[in-house]
Amino acid sequence: RDLHRVDRRQRQMCIRDRFKTALTALSLSPRRDHVVTVGRGLLRLVKLDLEYETLQEIIVPRVGRNNLSNSSTSVDWHPSHFNLIATAATNGAVVLWNLDRGGSDSIKEAEYRHRRSANAVHWHPNGHAHPNWLLSCSKERMVKLWDTRVPPPSSSSSGKPGVVQAAASATSSDFDVGGNCLDVKFSHHSPMLFAAALQDDAVHVWDVRSNRAPLIRCVQ
């Protein structure tokens, strides 16, 4: 569309909503028609209706009282599986939520752990080539690359396509970044690379095939 032909009201369209608690992060669904928001004790799904400029809250099946007892710091919707959402929390938990588990007691699919507060989670952007790769980072100076096909021993699989599969124990590749890691992201251009942002203003670029040292260190 020619943006010059769009009237002023359309260019400045904004849909607003109020929450009863502070929000810390949000993520857009792979179909771009839903948003998941997180905060303290909050996991909320909202359907976007841009045609009528409205927000419609989606009732989320039970998440469990203990599962959201800490503040969520980050959330990332799987890029190709609408049913999978990952969150990070201040108690170090990295939780996978499966929206297809609506008939169960909780939509919690699996829970991984950092020793200290988890700051961010990020699915691999190529959800078809690497659908089970999940990055997380924390205050413990560690970035973890999880293979979500291998959940914790206490987790179980639903056996549905696109859902975490059962295995003996949890596993991760650990990358010691040397300080409090605030954010982490896979590269959209080089599938084996990711960047980690540290509290001391440094940015590291790592190759997932080697955790000995970063490929690049950038310091401001």
Protein backbone atom coordinates (compact mmCIF):
# COMPACT_ATOMS: atom_id res chain seq x y z
CA ARG A 1 0.00 0.00 0.00
CA ASP A 2 1.03 3.58 -0.64
CA LEU A 3 1.61 5.00 2.84
CA HIS A 4 0.93 8.50 1.54
CA ARG A 5 -2.66 7.45 0.85
CA VAL A 6 -3.25 6.13 4.33
CA ASP A 7 -5.09 8.70 6.38
CA ARG A 8 -3.61 10.10 9.58
CA ARG A 9 -5.88 8.07 11.84
CA GLN A 10 -4.72 4.79 10.29
CA ARG A 11 -1.03 5.68 10.55
CA GLN A 12 -1.37 6.43 14.25
CA MET A 13 -3.65 3.52 15.14
CA CYS A 14 -2.91 2.20 18.60
CA ILE A 15 -4.79 -0.44 20.60
CA ARG A 16 -4.52 -0.05 24.34
CA ASP A 17 -5.33 -2.21 27.32
CA ARG A 18 -4.71 -2.01 31.05
CA PHE A 19 -3.39 -4.79 33.27
CA LYS A 20 -3.71 -5.05 37.02
CA THR A 21 -0.02 -5.90 37.41
CA ALA A 22 3.17 -4.59 35.83
CA LEU A 23 4.23 -6.30 32.60
CA THR A 24 7.86 -7.31 32.09
CA ALA A 25 7.83 -8.84 28.59
CA LEU A 26 5.66 -9.82 25.64
CA SER A 27 5.99 -11.93 22.50
CA LEU A 28 4.07 -12.18 19.24
CA SER A 29 2.67 -15.51 18.01
CA PRO A 30 4.04 -17.06 14.78
CA ARG A 31 0.73 -16.22 13.07
CA ARG A 32 1.06 -12.59 14.23
CA ASP A 33 -2.49 -12.59 15.59
CA HIS A 34 -1.87 -13.20 19.31
CA VAL A 35 0.37 -11.73 22.00
CA VAL A 36 1.51 -13.38 25.21
CA THR A 37 2.35 -11.09 28.13
CA VAL A 38 4.09 -11.96 31.40
CA GLY A 39 4.71 -10.28 34.73
CA ARG A 40 4.54 -11.21 38.39
CA GLY A 41 2.12 -14.12 38.67
CA LEU A 42 0.86 -13.41 35.15
CA LEU A 43 0.68 -15.36 31.90
CA ARG A 44 -1.94 -13.83 29.63
CA LEU A 45 -2.85 -14.41 25.99
CA VAL A 46 -4.45 -11.65 23.96
CA LYS A 47 -5.93 -11.94 20.47
CA LEU A 48 -5.27 -8.99 18.18
CA ASP A 49 -8.09 -7.78 15.96
CA LEU A 50 -6.63 -4.93 13.93
CA GLU A 51 -9.68 -4.67 11.68
CA TYR A 52 -11.92 -3.68 14.59
CA GLU A 53 -9.09 -2.26 16.73
CA THR A 54 -9.88 -4.49 19.69
CA LEU A 55 -8.06 -6.83 22.06
CA GLN A 56 -9.69 -10.06 23.15
CA GLU A 57 -8.33 -11.91 26.16
CA ILE A 58 -7.96 -15.67 25.69
CA ILE A 59 -8.68 -17.85 28.70
CA VAL A 60 -5.47 -19.74 29.46
CA PRO A 61 -5.83 -23.22 31.02
CA ARG A 62 -4.42 -23.56 34.52
CA VAL A 63 -0.75 -22.69 34.87
CA GLY A 64 -0.53 -23.81 38.50
CA ARG A 65 -0.23 -21.54 41.52
CA ASN A 66 3.43 -22.39 42.16
CA ASN A 67 4.51 -22.03 38.54
CA LEU A 68 3.97 -18.25 38.47
CA SER A 69 4.88 -17.43 42.07
CA ASN A 70 7.95 -15.52 40.85
CA SER A 71 8.18 -12.66 38.40
CA SER A 72 8.64 -13.70 34.79
CA THR A 73 11.49 -11.76 33.21
CA SER A 74 11.20 -12.89 29.58
CA VAL A 75 8.88 -14.73 27.20
CA ASP A 76 9.32 -16.08 23.67
CA TRP A 77 6.68 -17.72 21.47
CA HIS A 78 7.98 -20.58 19.33
CA PRO A 79 8.49 -19.33 15.75
CA SER A 80 6.72 -22.28 14.11
CA HIS A 81 4.70 -24.12 16.79
CA PHE A 82 1.73 -22.07 17.97
CA ASN A 83 1.30 -24.26 21.06
CA LEU A 84 4.76 -23.70 22.61
CA ILE A 85 5.82 -20.72 24.74
CA ALA A 86 8.98 -20.36 26.83
CA THR A 87 9.39 -18.09 29.88
CA ALA A 88 12.23 -17.17 32.23
CA ALA A 89 11.72 -16.26 35.89
CA THR A 90 13.52 -14.65 38.81
CA ASN A 91 13.78 -18.00 40.63
CA GLY A 92 15.96 -19.37 37.80
CA ALA A 93 13.20 -21.39 36.16
CA VAL A 94 12.99 -21.71 32.38
CA VAL A 95 9.51 -23.07 31.72
CA LEU A 96 7.94 -24.49 28.57
CA TRP A 97 4.18 -23.99 28.28
CA ASN A 98 2.10 -26.17 25.97
CA LEU A 99 -1.24 -24.59 25.04
CA ASP A 100 -2.47 -27.95 23.74
CA ARG A 101 -2.55 -29.29 27.29
CA GLY A 102 -5.89 -27.59 27.94
CA GLY A 103 -7.49 -30.65 29.47
CA SER A 104 -4.73 -31.27 32.01
CA ASP A 105 -4.15 -29.72 35.43
CA SER A 106 -1.53 -27.38 34.03
CA ILE A 107 -0.22 -26.27 30.66
CA LYS A 108 3.33 -26.50 32.02
CA GLU A 109 5.26 -28.90 29.77
CA ALA A 110 8.77 -28.85 31.25
CA GLU A 111 10.93 -26.82 33.61
CA TYR A 112 14.67 -26.28 33.33
CA ARG A 113 16.85 -24.50 35.88
CA HIS A 114 19.54 -21.89 36.35
CA ARG A 115 21.10 -21.50 39.79
CA ARG A 116 20.27 -17.77 39.84
CA SER A 117 17.66 -15.50 38.27
CA ALA A 118 17.03 -16.24 34.59
CA ASN A 119 17.03 -13.05 32.51
CA ALA A 120 16.02 -14.09 28.97
CA VAL A 121 14.89 -16.94 26.74
CA HIS A 122 15.03 -17.21 22.94
CA TRP A 123 13.95 -19.96 20.55
CA HIS A 124 16.04 -20.54 17.45
CA PRO A 125 14.47 -18.35 14.72
CA ASN A 126 14.54 -21.24 12.24
CA GLY A 127 11.76 -23.22 13.87
CA HIS A 128 11.87 -25.91 11.20
CA ALA A 129 15.61 -26.63 11.01
CA HIS A 130 16.23 -26.32 14.78
CA PRO A 131 12.80 -26.50 16.45
CA ASN A 132 14.17 -27.80 19.77
CA TRP A 133 16.94 -25.26 20.42
CA LEU A 134 16.22 -22.85 23.26
CA LEU A 135 18.71 -20.34 24.66
CA SER A 136 18.51 -18.91 28.16
CA CYS A 137 20.79 -16.69 30.23
CA SER A 138 21.05 -15.71 33.88
CA LYS A 139 22.93 -13.83 36.57
CA GLU A 140 25.17 -16.85 37.18
CA ARG A 141 27.40 -15.84 34.18
CA MET A 142 26.08 -18.78 32.22
CA VAL A 143 24.22 -19.07 28.91
CA LYS A 144 22.54 -22.43 28.37
CA LEU A 145 21.49 -24.01 25.10
CA TRP A 146 18.73 -26.51 25.86
CA ASP A 147 17.65 -29.39 23.67
CA THR A 148 13.96 -29.46 24.54
CA ARG A 149 13.62 -33.02 23.25
CA VAL A 150 15.38 -33.96 26.48
CA PRO A 151 13.20 -32.64 29.33
CA PRO A 152 13.88 -32.91 33.07
CA PRO A 153 13.24 -36.38 34.58
CA SER A 154 10.02 -35.15 36.21
CA SER A 155 8.58 -33.90 32.89
CA SER A 156 6.45 -35.98 30.59
CA SER A 157 5.60 -35.73 26.91
CA SER A 158 2.15 -35.46 25.41
CA GLY A 159 3.29 -37.29 22.29
CA LYS A 160 1.79 -34.68 19.96
CA PRO A 161 3.65 -33.19 16.98
CA GLY A 162 5.69 -30.12 17.88
CA VAL A 163 5.61 -30.92 21.59
CA VAL A 164 8.63 -31.74 23.74
CA GLN A 165 9.39 -35.46 23.56
CA ALA A 166 10.24 -37.66 26.53
CA ALA A 167 13.82 -38.65 27.32
CA ALA A 168 15.91 -39.77 30.26
CA SER A 169 17.24 -36.46 31.61
CA ALA A 170 17.71 -32.79 30.88
CA THR A 171 20.75 -31.62 28.95
CA SER A 172 22.24 -28.29 27.97
CA SER A 173 25.39 -26.88 26.43
CA ASP A 174 26.82 -24.29 28.83
CA PHE A 175 28.69 -21.15 27.81
CA ASP A 176 30.56 -19.21 30.52
CA VAL A 177 30.23 -15.57 29.45
CA GLY A 178 32.07 -14.25 32.51
CA GLY A 179 29.37 -12.05 34.01
CA ASN A 180 25.71 -11.26 34.48
CA CYS A 181 24.11 -11.93 31.08
CA LEU A 182 21.09 -9.71 30.46
CA ASP A 183 19.96 -10.92 27.03
CA VAL A 184 20.73 -13.54 24.43
CA LYS A 185 19.70 -13.96 20.79
CA PHE A 186 20.37 -16.40 17.95
CA SER A 187 21.61 -14.98 14.66
CA HIS A 188 19.00 -14.83 11.88
CA HIS A 189 21.74 -15.17 9.25
CA SER A 190 24.21 -17.70 10.73
CA PRO A 191 22.24 -20.51 12.39
CA MET A 192 25.14 -21.67 14.59
CA LEU A 193 25.86 -18.26 16.12
CA PHE A 194 24.31 -16.36 19.00
CA ALA A 195 25.03 -13.08 20.76
CA ALA A 196 25.04 -12.47 24.52
CA ALA A 197 24.71 -9.00 26.10
CA LEU A 198 26.43 -8.55 29.46
CA GLN A 199 25.83 -6.08 32.27
CA ASP A 200 29.36 -4.67 31.88
CA ASP A 201 28.45 -3.34 28.39
CA ALA A 202 30.18 -6.22 26.59
CA VAL A 203 28.64 -8.23 23.77
CA HIS A 204 29.92 -11.72 22.94
CA VAL A 205 29.31 -13.72 19.79
CA TRP A 206 29.50 -17.50 20.27
CA ASP A 207 29.40 -20.55 18.04
CA VAL A 208 27.15 -23.25 19.52
CA ARG A 209 29.64 -25.91 18.39
CA SER A 210 32.31 -24.68 20.82
CA ASN A 211 31.94 -23.33 24.35
CA ARG A 212 35.65 -22.70 24.97
CA ALA A 213 35.64 -19.00 24.08
CA PRO A 214 33.54 -16.50 22.13
CA LEU A 215 34.34 -15.80 18.51
CA ILE A 216 34.02 -12.04 19.07
CA ARG A 217 34.15 -9.79 22.13
CA CYS A 218 32.81 -6.27 21.76
CA VAL A 219 33.24 -3.79 24.62
CA GLN A 220 31.83 -0.27 24.61
